[in-house]
C-alpha cells in the first residue's frame, strides 16, 4: 500500500512537471509569434523560457529523487527494526521459558545455542550499521597495512560456511592465482567486512541448495580479483548498478522476504573504492544467479 502511494506521488510530480513544461512551451510559442519582429523582447522571452523550463525540470527531478531517497530510508529503518526486534524477542522468549519451566539439561543447551545465534545476528546487524557510518571516514593512513587477500578469503569462506551450516560442497574456493602474490595495502577490518558481506549475500539470496563458487585470480599482474558466483534468485539488468547504493533493495517480493538492511553491497563497493579498486555485479537475469566481482590493486613489491 505504501509503495503504491509513493509511486502515485512520483507519477503526480512527473505529470505536473510535464504539464508545466507543455504550458511554458505553449506560452513561449505565443510570445514568439506576437513578437517575432521585435528582436529584444524575442530574445528575452527565449532566455526566460529556457530558465523556466530548466527550473521546472530540475525541481521535478529533485522531488522525485527525494521521494525515492525517503522510500529507501524508510525501507532501511523497517529492515533494521525487524533485524533488531526479531532476535531480541526470540532471546526474551527463551529466557522466560528457562525461568518458568524445569527443563532437561539437553533442552537448556539447545536454548543456549539458539540464543547465542540470535545474539550473533543482533551483533552483526549493529556492526553493519556502525560500519556504514565509519567506512566513509577512512584516511590514507588507515589503508596502509599489508593484507594477504588469499588467506583472508579462505578464512572468510570457513567462517561463512560454519555460520550458515552449509554442507561441504555448497561453498567452494578456487585459487586461480598461479602462486602469485595476492598482497594488497589496506585496512584488514574493512577488507574482511567486504569479503564476508559478498559471501553472506551469495548465501542469503540462494535460499534453496546454495552452490557458491569463489574464484580468486591475479589479472594483468596489477589486480587481485575476487569473483563470487551463486545459483540464487538473480538480478535483472535494471537493478545491477543500483544494488550498490546505500539502503537499496531490489523491489521483488522474494528479496523483500529475505532479511537484510540494504547496506551490505554498499559497504563492499565503498570499501573497494577506498582501496583504489571497485565492485561490480553481473547476472543473466532473475532466477539465474549472480556474480559479484571485487578487484583491488595488487602490491607489486610484497
Foldseek 3Di string as FASTA:
>chain_A
DVVVVLVVVLVVLVVVLVVVLVVLVVVLVVQCVVCVVPPPSNVVSVVVSVVVNVVSVVVSVVVNVVSVVVVLVVLLVVLLCCQQVVLVVLLVVLVVCVVPDDDDPVVVVVSVVSNVLSVVSNVVSVVLVVCLVVLVVDDPVQQADKDQVVVLLVVLQVVLCVSVVHPPQQEDEDEAAVPDTRIAGGHVVLVSLLSNLQVNVQPQQAPPSKRKYWYWYQPPLWKIKIKIKIQGFWDAPVCFVVLLDASDWPPDPSRSVGRDNSRSNVSNQSRLVVQVWGKGKDTPDTRGIIMIMGMHTGDNPD
